[in-house]
Amino acid sequence: MSFLYLFFCSLFIAVHSQPPPPTGFFIDCGANKSSVIDGLTWSPDSEYVFSGVPRSVIIPESPYFVKTLSTLRSFPLEGRTQRKFCYVLPVTRNVTYLVRTTYFYGGVNGRDSPPVFDQVVDGTFWSIVNTKEDYARGKWSYYEGVFAATGKTMSVCVATNTYTDSDPFLSALEVVYLDNSLYNSTDFKKHGLNLIARSSFGYRGPTIKFPDDKFDRYWEPFGEISPPFQSLRELSVSGIWNLPPSKVFNTKLTFDQGNHSELQWPPRSLPASNYYIALYFADDHNGSLGNPRILNVAINGIEYYSNLNVISTGVVVFATKWPLSGLTKITLAPSSGSVLGPVINAGENFDVLPLGRRTVTRDVVSLVEVKRSLLNPPLDWNGDPCFPQQYSWTGVICAEGNRNQTRVVALNLTSMSLQGSLSPKIANLTALTDIWLGNNSLSGPIPDLSQLKMLKTLHLEDNQFSGEIPTLLGDIAYLHELFIQNNNLTGEVPHSLLVKSGLNLKTFGNQHLVQPPPPMT
């Protein structure tokens, strides 16, 4: 069992002032203009997404349904092909971000029930999106995670899986900058966090979020059980590194004096995994006058923390990797000699996700340049090209190379109706062994591909390439198949190709010399 306990407290009186809006992106998917809701400015999504169709839905007349739920972006489901559709956002490398996706189906696909699909961050599978139960109860759904940016962009994607029976969609996307202290016991170079529950115990009001939480984290009420709750004075939490909002300490669950108490939380059964658990405690009882409130905390019968002194300035106990499965039972019991009953204010529970792999940066940058040179690149050419493996880009084939690096080894975009030109940056994909681009409408010159030392097959036939055949193609040692017939190429076939041993060469039929057409008279 791998876990860590730490204990922090704060010592300052709260100052009542609204914090500035969080730094990051608040994207109203499918919207065509900006809006301000509860002090946050929401932007339309067209700048960040390459595909999909904006749509409007009818939302219930309820204060719990905000304007951002009235639009969404729907992504086309074509056959049974597993594809991902990504929002790509500029971020700061090595900075940790809260990522929240929000979904309200609204019958947009013409079916009674919303589709089930996946969501992905960069090359990491995040979670399955299943909003059927919430939608049947007239509710919207959200998912939240914490991930560190590994490059200059972060991609947040929805992806079709084998259960997806209609177009996946997204109603809103938030990517919020977090202070370095938040959740910093997690090694974000190896893991991300997927929120299971974040609760304010003993609280029965609306969701606590911005401006009460300056990072706009959602703290859901968890007061639908029998123990009473009571108000506390507001506390500053500047000394608690996760910076929970002081409002979660305004209420608490209290239990009978002198007895141990049990709390089922999170409220749903969990798959077997390692979990980050943080439990927050505060007490308005003045322990300095005697009778301090000291607790023993256990999770599923295993000691979590012993002799925890609950003080008025607030305290948190956390574990970084606690194994859980099924239903979770938290037991709170007074320590020996403590006459006061247990108390708890709030809690956070995250599934600790192992990060997926990533494609070598050089290959990603090169493929992005190839995409830019195309007028109509494949719709799923966003996010990581190779990962997750089931969602690699259309026509992109990857393999593990030296030093466990994943490289792009082949492009197969035959008969994709592609238009535009072929970027010279394709030559930076130095692990390529095969390029198949035949039967498209690509134009412009054939770029210098001599850097592709591993290239074996090059199919550019049945396009509109023009200019001369690059002489240096003959210098590629492993090239054994070159098809460039049915283009608008001019000039002689380079001698280096004509004498190349073992080369299957198709150029201009039986002719190896083509003159440009005569000038018009």
Protein backbone atom coordinates (compact mmCIF):
# COMPACT_ATOMS: atom_id res chain seq x y z
CA MET A 1 0.00 0.00 0.00
CA SER A 2 1.47 3.34 -1.03
CA PHE A 3 0.16 6.38 0.80
CA LEU A 4 1.24 9.52 2.57
CA TYR A 5 -0.26 11.51 5.42
CA LEU A 6 0.22 15.22 5.88
CA PHE A 7 -1.40 17.73 8.17
CA PHE A 8 -1.75 21.49 7.64
CA CYS A 9 -3.64 24.23 9.42
CA SER A 10 -4.42 27.90 8.84
CA LEU A 11 -4.15 30.72 11.28
CA PHE A 12 -5.85 33.76 9.74
CA ILE A 13 -9.24 35.39 9.82
CA ALA A 14 -11.07 35.44 6.48
CA VAL A 15 -11.40 38.70 4.57
CA HIS A 16 -14.65 39.10 2.63
CA SER A 17 -13.74 40.11 -0.90
CA GLN A 18 -14.51 38.55 -4.26
CA PRO A 19 -11.41 37.05 -5.84
CA PRO A 20 -10.50 37.82 -9.44
CA PRO A 21 -11.79 35.34 -12.03
CA PRO A 22 -9.71 32.20 -12.46
CA THR A 23 -7.05 32.22 -15.17
CA GLY A 24 -7.74 29.89 -18.04
CA PHE A 25 -10.35 29.04 -20.65
CA PHE A 26 -14.12 29.01 -20.23
CA ILE A 27 -15.51 27.73 -23.52
CA ASP A 28 -19.20 27.71 -24.37
CA CYS A 29 -19.30 24.93 -26.95
CA GLY A 30 -21.45 25.70 -29.99
CA ALA A 31 -22.00 29.34 -28.99
CA ASN A 32 -21.45 32.14 -31.50
CA LYS A 33 -20.71 34.95 -29.04
CA SER A 34 -19.25 35.58 -25.62
CA SER A 35 -21.31 35.79 -22.44
CA VAL A 36 -20.73 36.59 -18.77
CA ILE A 37 -22.25 34.20 -16.23
CA ASP A 38 -21.70 34.50 -12.47
CA GLY A 39 -18.62 36.67 -12.98
CA LEU A 40 -16.97 34.35 -15.52
CA THR A 41 -16.55 35.26 -19.20
CA TRP A 42 -17.41 32.40 -21.54
CA SER A 43 -16.04 32.39 -25.09
CA PRO A 44 -17.33 30.69 -28.25
CA ASP A 45 -15.42 27.58 -29.26
CA SER A 46 -14.64 28.06 -32.95
CA GLU A 47 -11.04 29.15 -32.23
CA TYR A 48 -10.16 25.90 -30.47
CA VAL A 49 -11.86 23.11 -32.42
CA PHE A 50 -11.44 21.86 -35.97
CA SER A 51 -14.58 19.79 -36.57
CA GLY A 52 -18.13 19.27 -35.38
CA VAL A 53 -21.39 21.15 -35.79
CA PRO A 54 -22.73 23.79 -33.36
CA ARG A 55 -26.27 23.09 -32.21
CA SER A 56 -28.84 24.59 -29.88
CA VAL A 57 -30.91 22.67 -27.35
CA ILE A 58 -33.83 23.57 -25.10
CA ILE A 59 -32.93 23.54 -21.42
CA PRO A 60 -35.37 23.36 -18.49
CA GLU A 61 -36.37 26.57 -16.75
CA SER A 62 -34.35 26.05 -13.60
CA PRO A 63 -31.73 28.09 -11.73
CA TYR A 64 -29.52 24.99 -11.87
CA PHE A 65 -29.34 25.18 -15.68
CA VAL A 66 -27.03 27.94 -16.90
CA LYS A 67 -26.92 29.49 -20.33
CA THR A 68 -23.87 27.53 -21.46
CA LEU A 69 -26.04 24.39 -21.56
CA SER A 70 -28.28 25.82 -24.29
CA THR A 71 -25.67 25.16 -26.99
CA LEU A 72 -23.30 22.30 -27.71
CA ARG A 73 -20.99 21.01 -30.40
CA SER A 74 -21.90 17.67 -31.95
CA PHE A 75 -19.32 15.50 -33.70
CA PRO A 76 -20.21 13.23 -36.63
CA LEU A 77 -20.36 9.49 -36.07
CA GLU A 78 -19.24 7.85 -39.29
CA GLY A 79 -19.68 4.09 -39.36
CA ARG A 80 -18.08 2.23 -36.47
CA THR A 81 -14.65 3.82 -36.78
CA GLN A 82 -13.18 4.88 -33.44
CA ARG A 83 -12.17 8.51 -33.78
CA LYS A 84 -11.42 11.38 -31.45
CA PHE A 85 -12.39 15.03 -31.85
CA CYS A 86 -10.30 17.52 -29.93
CA TYR A 87 -10.22 21.01 -28.55
CA VAL A 88 -6.63 22.26 -28.65
CA LEU A 89 -5.72 25.03 -26.18
CA PRO A 90 -2.51 27.03 -25.72
CA VAL A 91 -1.10 26.33 -22.26
CA THR A 92 2.10 26.72 -20.26
CA ARG A 93 4.32 23.67 -20.07
CA ASN A 94 4.59 21.94 -16.67
CA VAL A 95 1.72 23.99 -15.24
CA THR A 96 -1.13 22.06 -13.60
CA TYR A 97 -4.67 22.65 -14.86
CA LEU A 98 -8.13 21.74 -13.71
CA VAL A 99 -10.08 20.38 -16.70
CA ARG A 100 -13.88 20.17 -16.56
CA THR A 101 -16.20 18.96 -19.32
CA THR A 102 -19.94 19.56 -19.07
CA TYR A 103 -22.70 17.68 -20.88
CA PHE A 104 -26.42 18.21 -21.40
CA TYR A 105 -27.83 16.13 -24.24
CA GLY A 106 -31.15 17.87 -24.88
CA GLY A 107 -32.19 15.25 -27.46
CA VAL A 108 -29.84 16.72 -30.06
CA ASN A 109 -29.33 13.38 -31.84
CA GLY A 110 -33.04 12.69 -32.17
CA ARG A 111 -32.92 9.82 -29.69
CA ASP A 112 -34.38 9.51 -26.22
CA SER A 113 -31.06 8.75 -24.58
CA PRO A 114 -27.61 10.36 -24.93
CA PRO A 115 -24.68 8.47 -26.47
CA VAL A 116 -21.92 6.89 -24.43
CA PHE A 117 -18.38 7.80 -25.45
CA ASP A 118 -14.85 8.41 -24.16
CA GLN A 119 -12.93 11.51 -23.23
CA VAL A 120 -9.19 11.91 -23.64
CA VAL A 121 -6.60 14.48 -22.49
CA ASP A 122 -3.54 14.57 -24.75
CA GLY A 123 -2.56 10.89 -25.05
CA THR A 124 -4.30 9.77 -21.86
CA PHE A 125 -7.65 8.01 -21.65
CA TRP A 126 -9.52 10.03 -19.04
CA SER A 127 -12.92 8.38 -18.58
CA ILE A 128 -16.09 7.08 -20.18
CA VAL A 129 -18.81 9.71 -20.54
CA ASN A 130 -22.17 8.22 -19.62
CA THR A 131 -24.81 10.85 -18.88
CA LYS A 132 -27.87 8.62 -19.37
CA GLU A 133 -28.86 8.41 -15.72
CA ASP A 134 -28.50 12.15 -15.10
CA TYR A 135 -30.38 13.01 -18.29
CA ALA A 136 -33.25 10.67 -17.42
CA ARG A 137 -33.56 12.57 -14.11
CA GLY A 138 -33.55 15.94 -15.87
CA LYS A 139 -30.00 16.80 -14.85
CA TRP A 140 -26.78 17.82 -16.57
CA SER A 141 -23.44 16.12 -15.97
CA TYR A 142 -19.85 17.17 -15.53
CA TYR A 143 -16.45 15.48 -15.28
CA GLU A 144 -13.39 17.00 -13.71
CA GLY A 145 -9.72 16.12 -13.77
CA VAL A 146 -6.33 17.59 -12.91
CA PHE A 147 -3.54 17.31 -15.48
CA ALA A 148 -0.18 18.96 -16.07
CA ALA A 149 0.61 20.44 -19.47
CA THR A 150 3.46 18.55 -21.10
CA GLY A 151 3.84 20.93 -24.03
CA LYS A 152 2.66 24.26 -25.39
CA THR A 153 -0.81 22.93 -26.12
CA MET A 154 -3.28 20.68 -24.32
CA SER A 155 -5.89 18.69 -26.21
CA VAL A 156 -9.21 17.72 -24.63
CA CYS A 157 -11.09 15.24 -26.80
CA VAL A 158 -14.32 13.30 -27.02
CA ALA A 159 -13.98 9.96 -28.78
CA THR A 160 -16.32 7.33 -30.16
CA ASN A 161 -16.08 3.87 -28.64
CA THR A 162 -17.81 0.55 -29.31
CA TYR A 163 -20.84 1.68 -27.25
CA THR A 164 -21.34 4.95 -29.11
CA ASP A 165 -24.60 4.83 -31.09
CA SER A 166 -24.98 8.49 -32.07
CA ASP A 167 -22.89 11.64 -32.35
CA PRO A 168 -20.76 12.48 -29.28
CA PHE A 169 -21.05 16.07 -28.07
CA LEU A 170 -19.73 18.62 -25.60
CA SER A 171 -21.66 21.46 -23.94
CA ALA A 172 -18.88 23.35 -22.13
CA LEU A 173 -15.16 23.06 -21.48
CA GLU A 174 -13.12 24.68 -18.72
CA VAL A 175 -9.33 24.56 -18.40
CA VAL A 176 -8.25 26.52 -15.33
CA TYR A 177 -4.74 27.33 -14.09
CA LEU A 178 -4.08 25.93 -10.61
CA ASP A 179 -1.58 27.18 -8.04
CA ASN A 180 1.51 25.02 -7.72
CA SER A 181 0.48 23.99 -4.21
CA LEU A 182 -2.75 22.31 -5.25
CA TYR A 183 -2.55 18.50 -5.19
CA ASN A 184 1.23 18.80 -5.36
CA SER A 185 1.80 15.44 -3.69
CA THR A 186 0.84 13.89 -7.04
CA ASP A 187 3.63 13.28 -9.56
CA PHE A 188 1.93 14.89 -12.55
CA LYS A 189 4.71 13.69 -14.84
CA LYS A 190 3.36 10.19 -14.31
CA HIS A 191 -0.24 10.63 -13.19
CA GLY A 192 -3.38 12.69 -13.60
CA LEU A 193 -6.38 12.91 -11.27
CA ASN A 194 -9.96 12.05 -12.17
CA LEU A 195 -12.52 13.48 -9.75
CA ILE A 196 -14.82 10.95 -8.10
CA ALA A 197 -16.39 13.19 -5.45
CA ARG A 198 -15.84 16.59 -3.87
CA SER A 199 -18.31 17.18 -1.07
CA SER A 200 -19.19 19.72 1.57
CA PHE A 201 -20.60 17.65 4.44
CA GLY A 202 -23.64 18.82 6.35
CA TYR A 203 -24.39 21.33 3.59
CA ARG A 204 -27.71 21.44 1.75
CA GLY A 205 -27.40 24.51 -0.45
CA PRO A 206 -26.44 24.97 -4.13
CA THR A 207 -23.08 23.80 -5.40
CA ILE A 208 -20.19 25.79 -3.92
CA LYS A 209 -18.05 27.19 -6.76
CA PHE A 210 -16.64 30.55 -7.92
CA PRO A 211 -16.49 33.10 -6.32
CA ASP A 212 -16.42 31.02 -3.11
CA ASP A 213 -13.79 28.76 -4.70
CA LYS A 214 -11.33 30.95 -6.59
CA PHE A 215 -10.45 28.08 -8.95
CA ASP A 216 -14.13 27.36 -9.67
CA ARG A 217 -13.93 23.85 -8.28
CA TYR A 218 -17.36 22.35 -7.57
CA TRP A 219 -18.13 21.28 -3.98
CA GLU A 220 -21.40 19.37 -3.95
CA PRO A 221 -23.73 19.30 -0.94
CA PHE A 222 -23.67 16.08 1.05
CA GLY A 223 -26.31 16.62 3.70
CA GLU A 224 -28.98 14.08 2.85
CA ILE A 225 -28.27 11.94 5.90
CA SER A 226 -29.35 12.04 9.52
CA PRO A 227 -26.46 13.65 11.48
CA PRO A 228 -27.16 17.32 12.26
CA PHE A 229 -25.20 20.21 10.88
CA GLN A 230 -24.39 23.62 12.26
CA SER A 231 -22.76 26.87 11.18
CA LEU A 232 -19.17 27.77 11.97
CA ARG A 233 -17.49 31.11 11.72
CA GLU A 234 -15.79 31.62 8.36
CA LEU A 235 -12.15 30.57 8.27
CA SER A 236 -9.17 31.50 6.16
CA VAL A 237 -7.62 28.45 4.57
CA SER A 238 -4.43 30.05 3.26
CA GLY A 239 -2.39 27.57 5.25
CA ILE A 240 -4.07 24.50 3.72
CA TRP A 241 -2.16 23.85 0.52
CA ASN A 242 -5.22 22.68 -1.45
CA LEU A 243 -6.88 26.04 -0.71
CA PRO A 244 -10.43 24.80 -0.11
CA PRO A 245 -13.01 27.61 0.05
CA SER A 246 -13.74 28.77 3.58
CA LYS A 247 -17.45 28.16 2.91
CA VAL A 248 -16.98 24.38 3.19
CA PHE A 249 -16.05 24.93 6.84
CA ASN A 250 -19.29 26.81 7.55
CA THR A 251 -21.13 23.52 8.00
CA LYS A 252 -20.16 20.13 9.32
CA LEU A 253 -21.47 16.70 10.05
CA THR A 254 -21.45 16.01 13.78
CA PHE A 255 -22.03 12.69 15.47
CA ASP A 256 -23.09 11.54 18.91
CA GLN A 257 -20.69 12.28 21.71
CA GLY A 258 -18.31 9.49 22.56
CA ASN A 259 -19.43 7.12 19.79
CA HIS A 260 -17.73 6.05 16.59
CA SER A 261 -19.65 6.92 13.44
CA GLU A 262 -19.67 5.61 9.90
CA LEU A 263 -20.11 7.52 6.67
CA GLN A 264 -20.48 5.97 3.22
CA TRP A 265 -18.55 8.29 0.93
CA PRO A 266 -18.11 8.54 -2.00
CA PRO A 267 -21.74 7.53 -2.41
CA ARG A 268 -21.15 5.13 -5.32
CA SER A 269 -19.24 1.91 -5.78
CA LEU A 270 -15.69 2.39 -7.05
CA PRO A 271 -13.65 0.27 -9.45
CA ALA A 272 -10.48 -1.21 -8.00
CA SER A 273 -7.79 1.44 -8.28
CA ASN A 274 -5.57 3.78 -6.26
CA TYR A 275 -7.25 6.94 -5.02
CA TYR A 276 -6.20 10.33 -3.74
CA ILE A 277 -8.28 11.10 -0.64
CA ALA A 278 -8.32 14.39 1.28
CA LEU A 279 -10.56 14.90 4.32
CA TYR A 280 -11.08 18.36 5.84
CA PHE A 281 -11.91 19.08 9.47
CA ALA A 282 -12.53 22.20 11.55
CA ASP A 283 -14.20 22.88 14.88
CA ASP A 284 -15.54 26.01 16.54
CA HIS A 285 -15.02 24.38 19.94
CA ASN A 286 -12.16 26.05 21.81
CA GLY A 287 -9.85 23.17 22.62
CA SER A 288 -7.57 25.39 24.69
CA LEU A 289 -10.27 25.44 27.38
CA GLY A 290 -9.97 21.69 27.74
CA ASN A 291 -11.75 18.76 26.12
CA PRO A 292 -10.05 18.91 22.70
CA ARG A 293 -11.72 17.05 19.84
CA ILE A 294 -9.32 14.25 18.88
CA LEU A 295 -10.30 11.62 16.31
CA ASN A 296 -9.20 8.33 14.88
CA VAL A 297 -10.04 7.97 11.19
CA ALA A 298 -10.34 4.65 9.34
CA ILE A 299 -11.28 3.80 5.76
CA ASN A 300 -12.84 0.39 5.17
CA GLY A 301 -11.53 -0.71 8.54
CA ILE A 302 -7.92 0.31 7.86
CA GLU A 303 -6.36 3.05 9.97
CA TYR A 304 -6.17 6.28 7.96
CA TYR A 305 -5.04 8.68 10.69
CA SER A 306 -4.90 8.40 14.47
CA ASN A 307 -5.13 11.03 17.17
CA LEU A 308 -6.15 13.81 14.80
CA ASN A 309 -6.60 17.03 16.76
CA VAL A 310 -9.44 18.94 15.10
CA ILE A 311 -8.72 22.63 15.64
CA SER A 312 -10.72 25.75 14.88
CA THR A 313 -8.33 26.94 12.17
CA GLY A 314 -8.82 23.86 10.03
CA VAL A 315 -6.88 20.72 9.25
CA VAL A 316 -6.65 18.30 6.29
CA VAL A 317 -5.48 14.69 6.18
CA PHE A 318 -4.73 13.09 2.83
CA ALA A 319 -3.46 9.96 1.15
CA THR A 320 -1.89 10.02 -2.30
CA LYS A 321 -2.52 6.41 -3.38
CA TRP A 322 -5.06 4.58 -1.26
CA PRO A 323 -6.42 1.34 -2.76
CA LEU A 324 -10.22 1.19 -2.90
CA SER A 325 -12.87 -0.93 -4.58
CA GLY A 326 -16.61 -1.16 -4.16
CA LEU A 327 -18.36 0.93 -1.52
CA THR A 328 -16.20 3.03 0.80
CA LYS A 329 -16.88 3.39 4.51
CA ILE A 330 -15.23 6.16 6.54
CA THR A 331 -15.19 5.55 10.28
CA LEU A 332 -14.69 8.44 12.70
CA ALA A 333 -14.15 7.67 16.38
CA PRO A 334 -13.07 9.75 19.37
CA SER A 335 -9.59 8.95 20.60
CA SER A 336 -9.16 7.60 24.07
CA GLY A 337 -9.88 10.34 26.56
CA SER A 338 -11.72 12.60 24.07
CA VAL A 339 -15.30 13.19 25.19
CA LEU A 340 -16.41 15.13 22.11
CA GLY A 341 -18.06 13.37 19.21
CA PRO A 342 -16.60 13.14 15.71
CA VAL A 343 -16.93 15.88 13.12
CA ILE A 344 -16.10 16.26 9.42
CA ASN A 345 -16.53 19.20 7.03
CA ALA A 346 -15.49 18.25 3.50
CA GLY A 347 -13.71 15.71 1.35
CA GLU A 348 -12.14 15.16 -2.06
CA ASN A 349 -11.66 11.83 -3.80
CA PHE A 350 -9.78 11.35 -7.09
CA ASP A 351 -8.91 8.25 -9.08
CA VAL A 352 -5.14 8.37 -9.71
CA LEU A 353 -4.73 7.88 -13.47
CA PRO A 354 -1.50 6.61 -15.02
CA LEU A 355 -0.67 8.94 -17.89
CA GLY A 356 -0.72 7.57 -21.40
CA ARG A 357 2.29 7.79 -23.63
CA ARG A 358 2.99 10.59 -26.07
CA THR A 359 4.29 10.76 -29.60
CA VAL A 360 7.77 12.23 -30.04
CA THR A 361 7.38 16.01 -30.15
CA ARG A 362 9.29 16.37 -33.41
CA ASP A 363 6.84 14.07 -35.17
CA VAL A 364 3.83 15.88 -33.72
CA VAL A 365 5.13 19.26 -34.88
CA SER A 366 5.87 17.88 -38.35
CA LEU A 367 2.41 16.33 -38.71
CA VAL A 368 0.81 19.62 -37.68
CA GLU A 369 2.71 21.31 -40.53
CA VAL A 370 1.53 18.60 -42.95
CA LYS A 371 -2.01 19.22 -41.73
CA ARG A 372 -1.69 22.97 -42.31
CA SER A 373 -0.67 22.41 -45.93
CA LEU A 374 -3.85 20.40 -46.58
CA LEU A 375 -7.10 22.18 -47.39
CA ASN A 376 -9.22 19.36 -45.99
CA PRO A 377 -7.20 17.24 -43.55
CA PRO A 378 -8.94 14.33 -41.79
CA LEU A 379 -11.36 15.57 -39.14
CA ASP A 380 -9.63 13.72 -36.33
CA TRP A 381 -6.15 15.17 -36.92
CA ASN A 382 -6.04 16.81 -33.50
CA GLY A 383 -4.54 15.82 -30.19
CA ASP A 384 -1.78 13.23 -29.96
CA PRO A 385 -1.30 11.43 -33.31
CA CYS A 386 -0.56 7.99 -31.80
CA PHE A 387 -2.25 7.85 -28.39
CA PRO A 388 -4.43 6.47 -27.01
CA GLN A 389 -3.66 3.74 -29.51
CA GLN A 390 -7.29 3.09 -30.40
CA TYR A 391 -7.61 6.76 -31.31
CA SER A 392 -4.52 7.33 -33.46
CA TRP A 393 -5.07 9.75 -36.32
CA THR A 394 -6.68 8.49 -39.49
CA GLY A 395 -3.97 7.20 -41.81
CA VAL A 396 -1.18 7.55 -39.22
CA ILE A 397 0.68 4.38 -38.23
CA CYS A 398 2.99 4.47 -35.21
CA ALA A 399 5.57 2.18 -33.66
CA GLU A 400 7.98 2.18 -30.75
CA GLY A 401 11.49 3.14 -31.71
CA ASN A 402 14.78 3.70 -29.92
CA ARG A 403 14.77 4.73 -26.25
CA ASN A 404 11.09 3.68 -25.99
CA GLN A 405 10.06 6.63 -28.12
CA THR A 406 6.91 6.36 -30.20
CA ARG A 407 7.44 7.48 -33.79
CA VAL A 408 5.25 7.87 -36.86
CA VAL A 409 6.37 5.14 -39.27
CA ALA A 410 3.77 5.31 -42.06
CA LEU A 411 1.13 7.55 -43.62
CA ASN A 412 -1.71 5.93 -45.53
CA LEU A 413 -4.10 8.56 -46.87
CA THR A 414 -4.94 6.87 -50.16
CA SER A 415 -8.24 7.98 -51.75
CA MET A 416 -9.09 10.50 -49.02
CA SER A 417 -10.05 13.29 -51.49
CA LEU A 418 -7.26 15.42 -50.05
CA GLN A 419 -6.56 18.84 -51.53
CA GLY A 420 -3.73 21.26 -50.96
CA SER A 421 0.00 20.67 -51.07
CA LEU A 422 2.50 18.38 -49.37
CA SER A 423 4.50 20.26 -46.76
CA PRO A 424 8.32 19.94 -46.92
CA LYS A 425 8.09 19.32 -43.15
CA ILE A 426 7.03 15.76 -43.93
CA ALA A 427 10.76 15.11 -44.35
CA ASN A 428 11.18 15.68 -40.60
CA LEU A 429 9.23 12.47 -39.94
CA THR A 430 12.51 10.62 -40.14
CA ALA A 431 11.12 7.25 -38.99
CA LEU A 432 8.78 6.99 -41.99
CA THR A 433 9.09 3.79 -43.98
CA ASP A 434 5.96 4.10 -46.12
CA ILE A 435 3.99 6.98 -47.62
CA TRP A 436 0.76 6.28 -49.50
CA LEU A 437 -0.94 9.43 -50.80
CA GLY A 438 -2.28 8.10 -54.09
CA ASN A 439 -5.61 8.99 -55.70
CA ASN A 440 -6.09 12.43 -54.16
CA SER A 441 -5.96 15.99 -55.55
CA LEU A 442 -2.68 17.14 -54.06
CA SER A 443 -0.82 19.78 -56.06
CA GLY A 444 2.42 21.74 -56.01
CA PRO A 445 5.93 20.30 -56.08
CA ILE A 446 7.07 17.04 -54.58
CA PRO A 447 9.20 18.11 -51.58
CA ASP A 448 12.75 16.96 -50.95
CA LEU A 449 12.37 13.68 -49.06
CA SER A 450 16.04 12.72 -48.92
CA GLN A 451 16.06 13.00 -45.10
CA LEU A 452 13.77 9.98 -44.95
CA LYS A 453 16.58 7.45 -44.86
CA MET A 454 14.23 4.60 -43.86
CA LEU A 455 11.68 5.21 -46.62
CA LYS A 456 10.82 2.07 -48.60
CA THR A 457 7.57 2.93 -50.38
CA LEU A 458 6.39 6.21 -51.87
CA HIS A 459 3.01 6.37 -53.60
CA LEU A 460 2.07 9.77 -55.01
CA GLU A 461 0.26 8.57 -58.14
CA ASP A 462 -3.04 9.98 -59.40
CA ASN A 463 -2.65 13.49 -57.97
CA GLN A 464 -1.85 16.90 -59.44
CA PHE A 465 1.77 17.30 -58.38
CA SER A 466 3.76 19.56 -60.71
CA GLY A 467 7.37 20.49 -61.34
CA GLU A 468 10.30 18.15 -61.68
CA ILE A 469 10.94 14.86 -59.93
CA PRO A 470 13.38 15.53 -57.06
CA THR A 471 16.79 14.18 -58.01
CA LEU A 472 17.65 13.20 -54.44
CA LEU A 473 14.91 10.56 -54.32
CA GLY A 474 17.48 8.25 -55.89
CA ASP A 475 19.73 8.69 -52.86
CA ILE A 476 17.27 7.01 -50.48
CA ALA A 477 18.95 3.67 -49.98
CA TYR A 478 15.92 1.60 -48.93
CA LEU A 479 13.45 3.01 -51.48
CA HIS A 480 12.18 0.10 -53.54
CA GLU A 481 8.77 1.31 -54.76
CA LEU A 482 8.05 4.72 -56.32
CA PHE A 483 4.73 5.44 -58.02
CA ILE A 484 4.32 8.98 -59.35
CA GLN A 485 2.35 8.41 -62.55
CA ASN A 486 -0.70 10.46 -63.52
CA ASN A 487 0.48 13.80 -62.19
CA ASN A 488 1.49 17.06 -63.89
CA LEU A 489 5.21 16.45 -63.52
CA THR A 490 7.68 17.70 -66.12
CA GLY A 491 11.32 17.10 -66.97
CA GLU A 492 13.41 13.97 -67.08
CA VAL A 493 13.29 11.13 -64.63
CA PRO A 494 16.54 11.48 -62.65
CA HIS A 495 19.26 9.08 -63.74
CA SER A 496 19.72 8.01 -60.10
CA LEU A 497 16.22 6.52 -60.19
CA LEU A 498 16.61 4.83 -63.58
CA VAL A 499 19.71 2.95 -62.47
CA LYS A 500 18.59 2.22 -58.92
CA SER A 501 18.73 -1.53 -58.36
CA GLY A 502 15.49 -3.25 -57.34
CA LEU A 503 13.32 -0.12 -57.66
CA ASN A 504 9.75 -0.64 -58.84
CA LEU A 505 9.35 2.65 -60.71
CA LYS A 506 6.16 3.94 -62.27
CA THR A 507 6.42 7.42 -63.72
CA PHE A 508 4.95 8.34 -67.11
CA GLY A 509 4.06 4.93 -68.47
CA ASN A 510 6.85 3.82 -70.85
CA GLN A 511 8.16 7.35 -71.31
CA HIS A 512 10.86 8.73 -69.08
CA LEU A 513 10.91 12.22 -70.55
CA VAL A 514 8.02 14.65 -70.50
CA GLN A 515 8.17 18.12 -71.96
CA PRO A 516 6.04 20.97 -70.64
CA PRO A 517 3.05 21.78 -72.85
CA PRO A 518 3.68 24.31 -75.63
CA PRO A 519 2.68 27.90 -74.91
CA MET A 520 -0.80 28.92 -75.95
CA THR A 521 -0.96 30.87 -79.21
